[in-house]
Amino acid sequence: MLKPNTLRRQIERWLNEKRGLCYCDDCIAQALDRAPRRHVQDVTSRLGVCERGFCKYRGKCTACGNATVVTAFSGMWV
């Protein structure tokens, strides 16, 4: 099981690599070697509210095509 900070960094890096595209928590969890979806949702919720460049909103997931809540990164990552 991944530690919360490790998962957060993985999600940040993964979304940075796909800058401008949006993904649902299910697809992020699957892409990150089946990280627990609940943990992914906790991280993306915090990123979408607290971190510059990240946003969480209702949209269409780039990977699965479902209309749901998605997370995207469009800013400068440090």
N, C-alpha and C. Protein backbone atom coordinates (compact mmCIF):
# COMPACT_ATOMS: atom_id res chain seq x y z
N MET A 1 0.85 -1.19 0.00
CA MET A 1 0.00 0.00 0.00
C MET A 1 0.89 1.25 0.00
N LEU A 2 0.50 2.22 -0.79
CA LEU A 2 1.27 3.44 -0.90
C LEU A 2 0.97 4.38 0.26
N LYS A 3 1.99 5.08 0.70
CA LYS A 3 1.79 6.12 1.70
C LYS A 3 1.09 7.29 1.03
N PRO A 4 0.28 8.06 1.78
CA PRO A 4 -0.46 9.17 1.18
C PRO A 4 0.41 10.15 0.39
N ASN A 5 1.57 10.55 0.93
CA ASN A 5 2.43 11.49 0.21
C ASN A 5 3.01 10.89 -1.05
N THR A 6 3.31 9.60 -1.01
CA THR A 6 3.82 8.92 -2.20
C THR A 6 2.75 8.89 -3.28
N LEU A 7 1.53 8.55 -2.92
CA LEU A 7 0.43 8.54 -3.89
C LEU A 7 0.19 9.94 -4.43
N ARG A 8 0.22 10.92 -3.57
CA ARG A 8 0.02 12.30 -4.02
C ARG A 8 1.06 12.68 -5.08
N ARG A 9 2.32 12.38 -4.82
CA ARG A 9 3.38 12.70 -5.78
C ARG A 9 3.18 11.94 -7.08
N GLN A 10 2.77 10.69 -7.00
CA GLN A 10 2.53 9.91 -8.22
C GLN A 10 1.40 10.53 -9.04
N ILE A 11 0.34 10.94 -8.37
CA ILE A 11 -0.79 11.55 -9.08
C ILE A 11 -0.37 12.89 -9.68
N GLU A 12 0.35 13.70 -8.93
CA GLU A 12 0.82 14.98 -9.45
C GLU A 12 1.67 14.78 -10.70
N ARG A 13 2.62 13.86 -10.64
CA ARG A 13 3.49 13.60 -11.80
C ARG A 13 2.70 13.06 -12.99
N TRP A 14 1.80 12.12 -12.70
CA TRP A 14 1.01 11.50 -13.76
C TRP A 14 0.16 12.54 -14.49
N LEU A 15 -0.52 13.40 -13.73
CA LEU A 15 -1.34 14.44 -14.34
C LEU A 15 -0.48 15.48 -15.06
N ASN A 16 0.70 15.77 -14.52
CA ASN A 16 1.61 16.70 -15.18
C ASN A 16 2.02 16.17 -16.55
N GLU A 17 2.27 14.87 -16.64
CA GLU A 17 2.64 14.27 -17.92
C GLU A 17 1.50 14.35 -18.94
N LYS A 18 0.29 14.48 -18.45
CA LYS A 18 -0.89 14.54 -19.32
C LYS A 18 -1.55 15.91 -19.23
N ARG A 19 -0.71 16.92 -19.12
CA ARG A 19 -1.17 18.29 -18.93
C ARG A 19 -2.28 18.68 -19.91
N GLY A 20 -3.34 19.27 -19.34
CA GLY A 20 -4.45 19.74 -20.15
C GLY A 20 -5.54 18.69 -20.38
N LEU A 21 -5.26 17.43 -20.05
CA LEU A 21 -6.26 16.37 -20.20
C LEU A 21 -6.88 16.11 -18.83
N CYS A 22 -8.10 15.61 -18.82
CA CYS A 22 -8.79 15.38 -17.55
C CYS A 22 -9.15 13.90 -17.39
N TYR A 23 -9.06 13.43 -16.15
CA TYR A 23 -9.26 12.02 -15.85
C TYR A 23 -10.11 11.85 -14.59
N CYS A 24 -10.94 10.82 -14.61
CA CYS A 24 -11.73 10.49 -13.43
C CYS A 24 -10.86 9.71 -12.44
N ASP A 25 -11.30 9.65 -11.20
CA ASP A 25 -10.54 8.95 -10.17
C ASP A 25 -10.36 7.47 -10.48
N ASP A 26 -11.36 6.86 -11.08
CA ASP A 26 -11.25 5.43 -11.43
C ASP A 26 -10.10 5.20 -12.41
N CYS A 27 -10.01 6.03 -13.43
CA CYS A 27 -8.95 5.86 -14.43
C CYS A 27 -7.58 6.19 -13.87
N ILE A 28 -7.50 7.18 -13.00
CA ILE A 28 -6.23 7.49 -12.35
C ILE A 28 -5.79 6.31 -11.50
N ALA A 29 -6.71 5.76 -10.72
CA ALA A 29 -6.39 4.61 -9.86
C ALA A 29 -5.90 3.44 -10.70
N GLN A 30 -6.56 3.18 -11.81
CA GLN A 30 -6.17 2.06 -12.67
C GLN A 30 -4.79 2.32 -13.29
N ALA A 31 -4.53 3.55 -13.69
CA ALA A 31 -3.25 3.87 -14.32
C ALA A 31 -2.09 3.77 -13.32
N LEU A 32 -2.38 3.99 -12.06
CA LEU A 32 -1.33 3.94 -11.04
C LEU A 32 -1.33 2.59 -10.34
N ASP A 33 -1.31 1.56 -11.12
CA ASP A 33 -1.23 0.19 -10.60
C ASP A 33 -2.31 -0.12 -9.58
N ARG A 34 -3.52 0.27 -9.92
CA ARG A 34 -4.68 -0.05 -9.08
C ARG A 34 -4.56 0.49 -7.66
N ALA A 35 -4.11 1.73 -7.55
CA ALA A 35 -4.12 2.40 -6.24
C ALA A 35 -5.57 2.42 -5.77
N PRO A 36 -5.81 2.32 -4.47
CA PRO A 36 -7.20 2.34 -3.99
C PRO A 36 -7.92 3.61 -4.44
N ARG A 37 -9.06 3.44 -5.10
CA ARG A 37 -9.81 4.57 -5.64
C ARG A 37 -10.14 5.60 -4.57
N ARG A 38 -10.49 5.13 -3.39
CA ARG A 38 -10.84 6.04 -2.29
C ARG A 38 -9.66 6.94 -1.95
N HIS A 39 -8.45 6.39 -1.98
CA HIS A 39 -7.26 7.19 -1.69
C HIS A 39 -6.98 8.17 -2.83
N VAL A 40 -7.19 7.73 -4.06
CA VAL A 40 -7.02 8.62 -5.21
C VAL A 40 -8.00 9.78 -5.09
N GLN A 41 -9.24 9.49 -4.75
CA GLN A 41 -10.26 10.54 -4.62
C GLN A 41 -9.89 11.54 -3.52
N ASP A 42 -9.35 11.06 -2.42
CA ASP A 42 -8.91 11.96 -1.34
C ASP A 42 -7.83 12.92 -1.86
N VAL A 43 -6.86 12.37 -2.59
CA VAL A 43 -5.76 13.18 -3.10
C VAL A 43 -6.25 14.17 -4.14
N THR A 44 -7.04 13.72 -5.11
CA THR A 44 -7.48 14.63 -6.18
C THR A 44 -8.40 15.72 -5.64
N SER A 45 -9.17 15.41 -4.62
CA SER A 45 -10.03 16.43 -4.01
C SER A 45 -9.17 17.54 -3.39
N ARG A 46 -8.11 17.14 -2.70
CA ARG A 46 -7.22 18.15 -2.11
C ARG A 46 -6.47 18.93 -3.18
N LEU A 47 -6.00 18.24 -4.20
CA LEU A 47 -5.29 18.92 -5.28
C LEU A 47 -6.19 19.94 -5.97
N GLY A 48 -7.43 19.54 -6.24
CA GLY A 48 -8.36 20.40 -6.97
C GLY A 48 -8.75 21.66 -6.23
N VAL A 49 -8.60 21.65 -4.93
CA VAL A 49 -8.98 22.81 -4.11
C VAL A 49 -7.76 23.61 -3.68
N CYS A 50 -6.67 22.93 -3.37
CA CYS A 50 -5.55 23.58 -2.68
C CYS A 50 -4.33 23.88 -3.54
N GLU A 51 -4.17 23.18 -4.64
CA GLU A 51 -2.92 23.31 -5.39
C GLU A 51 -3.11 24.09 -6.69
N ARG A 52 -2.25 25.07 -6.89
CA ARG A 52 -2.30 25.89 -8.09
C ARG A 52 -2.05 25.03 -9.33
N GLY A 53 -2.86 25.22 -10.33
CA GLY A 53 -2.70 24.49 -11.58
C GLY A 53 -3.56 23.25 -11.70
N PHE A 54 -4.03 22.72 -10.57
CA PHE A 54 -4.90 21.55 -10.58
C PHE A 54 -6.34 22.01 -10.43
N CYS A 55 -7.26 21.31 -11.09
CA CYS A 55 -8.67 21.62 -10.90
C CYS A 55 -9.48 20.33 -11.00
N LYS A 56 -10.58 20.33 -10.30
CA LYS A 56 -11.49 19.18 -10.29
C LYS A 56 -12.87 19.72 -10.63
N TYR A 57 -13.52 19.11 -11.60
CA TYR A 57 -14.80 19.62 -12.08
C TYR A 57 -15.56 18.52 -12.81
N ARG A 58 -16.83 18.78 -13.13
CA ARG A 58 -17.61 17.83 -13.91
C ARG A 58 -17.21 17.97 -15.37
N GLY A 59 -16.87 16.84 -15.96
CA GLY A 59 -16.45 16.85 -17.35
C GLY A 59 -16.44 15.44 -17.90
N LYS A 60 -15.78 15.27 -19.04
CA LYS A 60 -15.69 13.96 -19.69
C LYS A 60 -14.27 13.44 -19.53
N CYS A 61 -14.14 12.25 -18.97
CA CYS A 61 -12.83 11.65 -18.75
C CYS A 61 -12.17 11.33 -20.09
N THR A 62 -10.93 11.72 -20.22
CA THR A 62 -10.17 11.47 -21.45
C THR A 62 -10.00 9.97 -21.71
N ALA A 63 -9.83 9.20 -20.64
CA ALA A 63 -9.54 7.76 -20.81
C ALA A 63 -10.79 6.93 -21.08
N CYS A 64 -11.80 7.05 -20.23
CA CYS A 64 -12.96 6.17 -20.36
C CYS A 64 -14.15 6.82 -21.07
N GLY A 65 -14.13 8.14 -21.19
CA GLY A 65 -15.20 8.84 -21.88
C GLY A 65 -16.44 9.10 -21.05
N ASN A 66 -16.44 8.69 -19.79
CA ASN A 66 -17.60 8.91 -18.92
C ASN A 66 -17.71 10.38 -18.52
N ALA A 67 -18.94 10.86 -18.45
CA ALA A 67 -19.21 12.20 -17.93
C ALA A 67 -19.30 12.06 -16.41
N THR A 68 -18.33 12.65 -15.72
CA THR A 68 -18.21 12.49 -14.27
C THR A 68 -17.34 13.61 -13.72
N VAL A 69 -16.96 13.52 -12.48
CA VAL A 69 -16.03 14.48 -11.90
C VAL A 69 -14.62 14.05 -12.31
N VAL A 70 -13.88 15.01 -12.86
CA VAL A 70 -12.54 14.73 -13.37
C VAL A 70 -11.53 15.69 -12.75
N THR A 71 -10.27 15.32 -12.85
CA THR A 71 -9.18 16.17 -12.37
C THR A 71 -8.23 16.43 -13.52
N ALA A 72 -7.74 17.65 -13.59
CA ALA A 72 -6.80 18.02 -14.65
C ALA A 72 -5.70 18.90 -14.07
N PHE A 73 -4.59 18.94 -14.77
CA PHE A 73 -3.51 19.84 -14.43
C PHE A 73 -3.20 20.67 -15.66
N SER A 74 -3.18 21.98 -15.49
CA SER A 74 -2.91 22.84 -16.64
C SER A 74 -1.86 23.89 -16.34
N GLY A 75 -1.32 23.90 -15.14
CA GLY A 75 -0.37 24.93 -14.75
C GLY A 75 1.06 24.49 -14.78
N MET A 76 1.89 25.31 -14.22
CA MET A 76 3.31 25.01 -14.10
C MET A 76 3.51 24.14 -12.88
N TRP A 77 4.20 23.05 -13.05
CA TRP A 77 4.44 22.12 -11.94
C TRP A 77 5.84 22.33 -11.42
N VAL A 78 5.97 22.37 -10.11
CA VAL A 78 7.27 22.55 -9.49
C VAL A 78 7.69 21.33 -8.76
